[in-house]
Amino acid sequence: MRLVSWNVNGIRAVHNKNLFIPFVAELKPDIICLQETKAMQGQAEIDLPAYEEYWHSAAKKGYSGTAIFSKTKPLSVRNGFPPHIVKKYTLSDEYGDADAEGRVITAEFQTFWLVNVYTPNSKPDLSRLPLRDEQWDPAFLAYCLELEKDKPVIFCGDLNVAHTPDDLANPKANEGDHGYTKEERAGVDKMIAAGYVDTFRLFTQGNGHYSWWSNFGNARARNVGWRIDYWFVSQKLASKVKAATIHPDIKGSDHCPVLLDINI
């Protein structure tokens, strides 16, 4: 099975550039997970008859949002966190209710759960770091572990953090900046400690492998980027992973797609 995740930074913009359908044709995914769709279902008239579409759009129009396109119809689909998780972790801050921002969509398949996430950005002034560190990351991990009791979990998306110094071009210069604080990185450490595996690092070590680049300073052409888009799998699925790759050649967004091939 081939799964692809992409923060499209506006699905309508990518589609209007005639770059979305070619991306699907090139990678031929069985399941597509999108983040930052910035649209409601139907606002982007994408003709993909082979796929079932499931959208979780933000209450605020033109903001955030996730979607799953799948050739196999899921057994069930859930938008957001379950109410008891929302209540326990109080997922609101000065910017509003993070659970109303369309950031999590979950599809249940026969042998696994698939969770697609667009993690809140901590903001350049770190004003959303407390939400991220104290509420969102613990809630997300608790949710995945709850699903894990039923069947293995695969999760993907834009986690808005470079986990290690190898995951961004200039770690020393960016130390403590949003996306590379010790709190955000510790959130990924906790996911790994809980038994989730960063699939890309099963195959590729070292730096120079990025999935997001600033729009300034010709950063993408110079490959001055960050790896903030991931595929994680339950430890029990790690041996089934056949490939995990990044596709910087595919344009249309400031992020590029990341791919997972798994026998499942």
Protein backbone atom coordinates (compact mmCIF):
# COMPACT_ATOMS: atom_id res chain seq x y z
CA MET A 1 0.00 0.00 0.00
CA ARG A 2 1.27 3.46 -0.91
CA LEU A 3 0.36 6.42 1.31
CA VAL A 4 1.32 10.01 0.57
CA SER A 5 1.09 13.04 2.84
CA TRP A 6 1.30 16.65 1.61
CA ASN A 7 0.77 20.04 3.18
CA VAL A 8 -0.65 21.71 0.09
CA ASN A 9 -0.88 25.21 1.63
CA GLY A 10 -4.22 25.72 -0.12
CA ILE A 11 -5.66 22.91 -2.23
CA ARG A 12 -7.40 25.34 -4.59
CA ALA A 13 -4.13 27.13 -5.34
CA VAL A 14 -2.32 23.87 -6.13
CA HIS A 15 -5.18 22.60 -8.26
CA ASN A 16 -5.53 25.91 -10.13
CA LYS A 17 -1.83 25.67 -11.03
CA ASN A 18 -2.64 22.28 -12.61
CA LEU A 19 -0.23 20.59 -10.23
CA PHE A 20 -2.50 18.40 -8.09
CA ILE A 21 -3.72 15.84 -10.63
CA PRO A 22 -0.18 15.38 -12.04
CA PHE A 23 1.09 14.76 -8.49
CA VAL A 24 -1.47 11.97 -8.06
CA ALA A 25 -0.61 10.53 -11.47
CA GLU A 26 3.12 10.55 -10.70
CA LEU A 27 3.07 8.96 -7.24
CA LYS A 28 -0.05 6.77 -7.69
CA PRO A 29 -0.96 6.66 -4.00
CA ASP A 30 -3.63 4.38 -2.56
CA ILE A 31 -4.29 6.96 0.15
CA ILE A 32 -3.59 10.71 0.10
CA CYS A 33 -3.44 12.73 3.32
CA LEU A 34 -3.56 16.51 2.91
CA GLN A 35 -2.94 19.29 5.40
CA GLU A 36 -3.65 23.02 5.24
CA THR A 37 -6.36 22.48 2.63
CA LYS A 38 -7.83 25.94 3.36
CA ALA A 39 -11.12 24.86 1.78
CA MET A 40 -14.44 23.15 2.30
CA GLN A 41 -15.27 20.01 0.35
CA GLY A 42 -16.47 21.01 -3.10
CA GLN A 43 -14.60 24.31 -3.23
CA ALA A 44 -11.84 22.67 -5.26
CA GLU A 45 -13.37 20.78 -8.15
CA ILE A 46 -10.90 17.91 -8.28
CA ASP A 47 -11.82 15.02 -10.55
CA LEU A 48 -10.47 11.89 -8.86
CA PRO A 49 -13.22 9.30 -9.33
CA ALA A 50 -11.01 6.46 -8.06
CA TYR A 51 -10.88 8.01 -4.58
CA GLU A 52 -13.33 8.43 -1.73
CA GLU A 53 -12.95 11.94 -0.23
CA TYR A 54 -13.18 12.89 3.43
CA TRP A 55 -12.63 16.46 4.60
CA HIS A 56 -12.25 18.12 7.98
CA SER A 57 -12.36 21.85 7.38
CA ALA A 58 -11.76 24.58 9.94
CA ALA A 59 -14.70 26.56 11.26
CA LYS A 60 -12.80 29.64 10.06
CA LYS A 61 -13.02 29.79 6.26
CA GLY A 62 -9.81 29.59 4.24
CA TYR A 63 -7.77 28.37 7.22
CA SER A 64 -6.04 25.14 8.18
CA GLY A 65 -7.98 21.94 7.39
CA THR A 66 -7.16 18.32 6.58
CA ALA A 67 -8.46 15.72 4.14
CA ILE A 68 -8.05 12.05 3.26
CA PHE A 69 -8.57 10.65 -0.24
CA SER A 70 -8.64 6.84 -0.34
CA LYS A 71 -9.12 4.23 -3.04
CA THR A 72 -10.41 1.87 -0.33
CA LYS A 73 -13.47 3.03 1.57
CA PRO A 74 -12.61 3.28 5.28
CA LEU A 75 -14.65 1.39 7.86
CA SER A 76 -15.19 4.71 9.64
CA VAL A 77 -13.96 8.31 9.61
CA ARG A 78 -13.66 10.66 12.59
CA ASN A 79 -13.12 14.41 12.56
CA GLY A 80 -11.19 15.97 15.41
CA PHE A 81 -10.48 14.51 18.83
CA PRO A 82 -13.14 12.63 20.81
CA PRO A 83 -15.00 14.82 23.35
CA HIS A 84 -13.30 13.27 26.39
CA ILE A 85 -9.85 14.13 24.99
CA VAL A 86 -10.95 17.70 24.23
CA LYS A 87 -12.36 18.06 27.74
CA LYS A 88 -9.31 16.60 29.46
CA TYR A 89 -6.73 18.70 27.60
CA THR A 90 -8.71 21.94 27.12
CA LEU A 91 -7.56 22.57 23.56
CA SER A 92 -8.13 26.32 23.49
CA ASP A 93 -5.95 29.39 23.82
CA GLU A 94 -6.01 33.08 22.89
CA TYR A 95 -6.29 32.10 19.22
CA GLY A 96 -9.39 30.00 19.76
CA ASP A 97 -10.39 26.34 19.89
CA ALA A 98 -7.66 24.28 18.23
CA ASP A 99 -10.05 21.35 17.85
CA ALA A 100 -12.27 23.55 15.64
CA GLU A 101 -9.42 24.21 13.20
CA GLY A 102 -9.82 21.01 11.16
CA ARG A 103 -6.45 19.69 12.28
CA VAL A 104 -7.12 15.99 12.80
CA ILE A 105 -8.95 13.46 10.63
CA THR A 106 -8.86 9.71 11.31
CA ALA A 107 -9.76 6.84 9.02
CA GLU A 108 -10.24 3.29 10.24
CA PHE A 109 -9.19 0.45 7.95
CA GLN A 110 -9.34 -3.30 8.43
CA THR A 111 -5.90 -3.69 9.96
CA PHE A 112 -4.88 -0.18 11.09
CA TRP A 113 -5.95 3.31 12.07
CA LEU A 114 -4.71 6.21 9.95
CA VAL A 115 -4.44 9.61 11.63
CA ASN A 116 -3.73 12.70 9.54
CA VAL A 117 -2.66 15.75 11.56
CA TYR A 118 -1.78 19.38 10.97
CA THR A 119 -0.16 20.36 14.26
CA PRO A 120 -0.59 23.97 15.42
CA ASN A 121 2.33 26.26 14.65
CA SER A 122 3.88 27.72 17.78
CA LYS A 123 4.11 31.18 16.07
CA PRO A 124 7.29 33.24 15.62
CA ASP A 125 6.79 34.88 19.04
CA LEU A 126 6.11 31.43 20.58
CA SER A 127 2.69 32.63 21.72
CA ARG A 128 1.15 29.27 20.83
CA LEU A 129 3.93 27.15 22.30
CA PRO A 130 2.10 26.63 25.63
CA LEU A 131 -0.90 25.17 23.79
CA ARG A 132 1.38 23.02 21.69
CA ASP A 133 3.53 21.77 24.56
CA GLU A 134 1.05 21.43 27.41
CA GLN A 135 -2.19 20.59 25.61
CA TRP A 136 -1.98 19.60 21.94
CA ASP A 137 0.99 17.22 21.88
CA PRO A 138 -0.16 15.33 25.01
CA ALA A 139 -3.70 15.13 23.60
CA PHE A 140 -2.52 13.83 20.25
CA LEU A 141 -0.33 11.15 21.81
CA ALA A 142 -3.10 10.10 24.20
CA TYR A 143 -5.47 9.80 21.26
CA CYS A 144 -3.07 7.64 19.24
CA LEU A 145 -2.42 5.38 22.23
CA GLU A 146 -6.16 5.02 22.76
CA LEU A 147 -6.61 3.92 19.13
CA GLU A 148 -3.63 1.60 19.52
CA LYS A 149 -5.57 -0.51 22.00
CA ASP A 150 -7.83 -1.51 19.11
CA LYS A 151 -5.37 -1.89 16.21
CA PRO A 152 -2.00 -0.45 15.10
CA VAL A 153 -1.74 3.25 14.27
CA ILE A 154 -0.12 5.00 11.34
CA PHE A 155 -0.01 8.78 11.62
CA CYS A 156 1.27 11.44 9.30
CA GLY A 157 1.24 15.11 8.57
CA ASP A 158 2.86 18.45 9.14
CA LEU A 159 4.02 18.26 12.75
CA ASN A 160 5.54 21.77 12.57
CA VAL A 161 8.77 20.66 14.22
CA ALA A 162 12.21 19.59 13.09
CA HIS A 163 13.02 16.78 15.49
CA THR A 164 16.83 16.67 15.41
CA PRO A 165 19.71 18.84 14.16
CA ASP A 166 19.75 16.69 11.02
CA ASP A 167 16.18 17.78 10.23
CA LEU A 168 16.96 21.38 9.35
CA ALA A 169 19.71 23.10 7.41
CA ASN A 170 20.73 25.60 10.11
CA PRO A 171 20.12 24.09 13.55
CA LYS A 172 22.44 26.38 15.49
CA ALA A 173 20.96 29.55 13.99
CA ASN A 174 17.41 28.33 14.64
CA GLU A 175 17.88 26.97 18.15
CA GLY A 176 14.86 28.03 20.21
CA ASP A 177 12.91 29.36 17.23
CA HIS A 178 9.38 28.13 16.60
CA GLY A 179 9.57 24.69 15.08
CA TYR A 180 12.86 23.98 16.81
CA THR A 181 12.30 24.59 20.51
CA LYS A 182 13.25 22.00 23.10
CA GLU A 183 9.56 21.67 24.01
CA GLU A 184 8.46 20.84 20.46
CA ARG A 185 11.30 18.41 19.96
CA ALA A 186 10.50 16.74 23.28
CA GLY A 187 6.98 16.16 21.98
CA VAL A 188 8.42 13.96 19.22
CA ASP A 189 10.71 12.25 21.72
CA LYS A 190 7.62 11.24 23.69
CA MET A 191 5.96 9.82 20.57
CA ILE A 192 9.04 7.70 19.90
CA ALA A 193 9.27 6.63 23.55
CA ALA A 194 5.62 5.53 23.32
CA GLY A 195 6.50 3.16 20.48
CA TYR A 196 6.06 5.15 17.26
CA VAL A 197 8.73 4.97 14.57
CA ASP A 198 9.84 7.80 12.28
CA THR A 199 9.77 5.80 9.07
CA PHE A 200 12.07 8.06 7.05
CA ARG A 201 14.90 7.39 9.49
CA LEU A 202 14.55 3.64 8.95
CA PHE A 203 16.13 4.18 5.55
CA THR A 204 17.91 7.54 5.46
CA GLN A 205 20.28 9.16 7.94
CA GLY A 206 22.02 12.52 7.96
CA ASN A 207 20.94 15.99 6.89
CA GLY A 208 19.98 17.58 3.59
CA HIS A 209 16.56 15.90 3.43
CA TYR A 210 13.82 18.48 3.86
CA SER A 211 10.09 18.84 3.23
CA TRP A 212 9.54 22.58 3.79
CA TRP A 213 11.41 25.67 2.60
CA SER A 214 10.86 29.36 3.22
CA ASN A 215 9.57 31.36 0.28
CA PHE A 216 12.39 33.83 0.87
CA GLY A 217 16.06 33.83 -0.10
CA ASN A 218 15.71 31.21 -2.83
CA ALA A 219 15.69 28.69 0.01
CA ARG A 220 14.22 25.77 -1.92
CA ALA A 221 16.69 26.02 -4.79
CA ARG A 222 19.52 26.16 -2.25
CA ASN A 223 17.89 23.38 -0.19
CA VAL A 224 17.93 25.45 2.99
CA GLY A 225 14.96 23.69 4.49
CA TRP A 226 13.33 21.82 7.35
CA ARG A 227 11.97 18.28 7.62
CA ILE A 228 8.67 18.85 9.41
CA ASP A 229 6.41 16.41 7.51
CA TYR A 230 6.43 12.81 8.72
CA TRP A 231 5.09 9.28 8.54
CA PHE A 232 5.12 7.45 11.89
CA VAL A 233 4.01 3.87 12.44
CA SER A 234 3.44 1.67 15.47
CA GLN A 235 6.52 -0.35 16.37
CA LYS A 236 4.64 -3.54 15.46
CA LEU A 237 4.31 -2.24 11.87
CA ALA A 238 7.92 -1.13 11.42
CA SER A 239 9.01 -4.38 9.78
CA LYS A 240 6.26 -3.96 7.16
CA VAL A 241 7.57 -0.59 5.96
CA LYS A 242 9.21 -0.94 2.55
CA ALA A 243 10.07 2.66 1.72
CA ALA A 244 9.76 6.17 3.14
CA THR A 245 10.76 8.99 0.82
CA ILE A 246 10.59 12.76 0.37
CA HIS A 247 9.72 14.28 -3.02
CA PRO A 248 11.16 17.80 -3.29
CA ASP A 249 10.79 17.70 -7.07
CA ILE A 250 7.00 17.98 -6.74
CA LYS A 251 6.06 21.65 -6.67
CA GLY A 252 2.91 23.57 -5.85
CA SER A 253 3.39 24.32 -2.14
CA ASP A 254 6.13 25.46 0.21
CA HIS A 255 6.03 21.83 1.42
CA CYS A 256 6.63 18.76 -0.69
CA PRO A 257 4.95 15.35 -0.44
CA VAL A 258 6.30 12.57 1.76
CA LEU A 259 5.62 8.95 0.89
CA LEU A 260 5.24 5.66 2.74
CA ASP A 261 5.16 2.21 1.13
CA ILE A 262 4.00 -0.46 3.55
CA ASN A 263 2.84 -4.06 3.26
CA ILE A 264 -0.40 -3.98 5.19
